[in-house]
Amino acid sequence: MVLRKYLLEQDAQGGSVRAIISRQEIILRTRSFLPPASDEAKQQDKILTTINKVIDMGFLRQLEDDVHNYEVHRIIKGFVNAGVIDDMLRRLERYATEKNITD
């Protein structure tokens, strides 16, 4: 969902055809959906493992000339549409409110 939302933002800005996102940006955007962790390094390792799984699924490609940046493949649009994103954001906001989680 993080990558699909990023792709929507890039499209809204009228940017280039390629949507490039850094590893650090993925980590920052993903952490906002996770509960606070006592071991940030372990949490980051889990996120990096997930990034590799998303690469294996074909939704993300690591750039050859910069291993800290990725291209979001537009095929993700077919799997995660805007309605899914809106629904998930509402659920996450509700969860954050219930758990009193803030950015």
Protein backbone atom coordinates (compact mmCIF):
# COMPACT_ATOMS: atom_id res chain seq x y z
CA MET A 1 0.00 0.00 0.00
CA VAL A 2 2.87 2.38 0.74
CA LEU A 3 4.21 1.97 -2.78
CA ARG A 4 0.81 2.37 -4.41
CA LYS A 5 0.16 5.57 -2.46
CA TYR A 6 3.59 6.86 -3.50
CA LEU A 7 2.76 6.09 -7.13
CA LEU A 8 -0.51 8.02 -6.82
CA GLU A 9 1.37 11.00 -5.38
CA GLN A 10 3.88 10.91 -8.23
CA ASP A 11 1.12 10.74 -10.82
CA ALA A 12 -0.69 13.67 -9.19
CA GLN A 13 2.48 15.77 -9.41
CA GLY A 14 2.74 15.02 -13.11
CA GLY A 15 6.24 13.70 -12.66
CA SER A 16 8.21 11.45 -14.92
CA VAL A 17 6.99 8.12 -16.24
CA ARG A 18 9.25 6.31 -13.78
CA ALA A 19 8.44 6.47 -10.08
CA ILE A 20 11.70 6.25 -8.14
CA ILE A 21 11.69 5.91 -4.35
CA SER A 22 14.62 5.60 -1.97
CA ARG A 23 15.06 2.80 0.53
CA GLN A 24 14.98 5.37 3.35
CA GLU A 25 11.69 6.81 2.07
CA ILE A 26 10.11 3.34 2.04
CA ILE A 27 11.33 2.74 5.60
CA LEU A 28 9.99 6.10 6.83
CA ARG A 29 6.61 5.63 5.17
CA THR A 30 6.29 2.06 6.44
CA ARG A 31 7.20 2.92 10.04
CA SER A 32 4.20 5.22 10.30
CA PHE A 33 2.01 2.10 10.04
CA LEU A 34 3.94 0.08 12.61
CA PRO A 35 3.78 0.28 16.39
CA PRO A 36 6.77 1.87 18.11
CA ALA A 37 9.65 -0.58 18.40
CA SER A 38 12.18 -0.93 21.17
CA ASP A 39 14.67 -2.33 18.66
CA GLU A 40 14.69 -0.02 15.63
CA ALA A 41 17.42 -2.02 13.88
CA LYS A 42 15.35 -5.21 14.07
CA GLN A 43 12.29 -3.35 12.77
CA GLN A 44 14.34 -1.93 9.88
CA ASP A 45 15.62 -5.41 9.03
CA LYS A 46 12.03 -6.66 8.83
CA ILE A 47 11.14 -3.80 6.50
CA LEU A 48 14.16 -4.56 4.29
CA THR A 49 13.11 -8.22 4.16
CA THR A 50 9.66 -7.11 3.05
CA ILE A 51 11.19 -4.86 0.38
CA ASN A 52 13.03 -7.90 -1.00
CA LYS A 53 9.77 -9.87 -1.09
CA VAL A 54 8.09 -7.03 -2.99
CA ILE A 55 10.99 -7.08 -5.47
CA ASP A 56 10.45 -10.84 -5.90
CA MET A 57 6.74 -10.20 -6.58
CA GLY A 58 7.68 -7.82 -9.38
CA PHE A 59 6.22 -4.61 -7.95
CA LEU A 60 9.58 -3.02 -7.21
CA ARG A 61 12.95 -3.04 -8.96
CA GLN A 62 16.27 -2.07 -7.42
CA LEU A 63 18.17 0.34 -9.66
CA GLU A 64 21.43 -1.01 -10.99
CA ASP A 65 23.30 2.29 -10.72
CA ASP A 66 22.02 3.14 -7.21
CA VAL A 67 21.26 0.21 -4.91
CA HIS A 68 19.50 2.51 -2.40
CA ASN A 69 16.79 3.50 -4.89
CA TYR A 70 13.95 1.53 -6.41
CA GLU A 71 11.55 1.91 -9.30
CA VAL A 72 7.90 1.24 -8.49
CA HIS A 73 6.41 -0.82 -11.31
CA ARG A 74 3.08 0.48 -12.51
CA ILE A 75 1.63 -3.04 -12.55
CA ILE A 76 0.89 -2.45 -8.87
CA LYS A 77 -2.07 -0.33 -10.00
CA GLY A 78 -3.85 -3.49 -11.09
CA PHE A 79 -3.48 -5.07 -7.67
CA VAL A 80 -4.02 -2.10 -5.36
CA ASN A 81 -6.54 0.46 -6.59
CA ALA A 82 -7.44 3.84 -5.07
CA GLY A 83 -10.47 2.40 -3.25
CA VAL A 84 -8.29 -0.13 -1.46
CA ILE A 85 -5.90 2.64 -0.40
CA ASP A 86 -8.71 4.84 0.94
CA ASP A 87 -10.24 1.95 2.85
CA MET A 88 -6.89 0.93 4.34
CA LEU A 89 -6.05 4.52 5.35
CA ARG A 90 -9.39 4.83 7.14
CA ARG A 91 -8.75 1.57 8.99
CA LEU A 92 -5.24 2.65 9.95
CA GLU A 93 -6.44 6.04 11.16
CA ARG A 94 -9.10 4.33 13.26
CA TYR A 95 -6.50 1.91 14.65
CA ALA A 96 -4.09 4.76 15.44
CA THR A 97 -6.86 6.66 17.23
CA GLU A 98 -7.83 3.60 19.26
CA LYS A 99 -4.20 2.91 20.21
CA ASN A 100 -3.42 6.62 20.68
CA ILE A 101 -0.56 6.47 18.16
CA THR A 102 0.78 9.75 16.79
CA ASP A 103 3.42 10.58 14.18
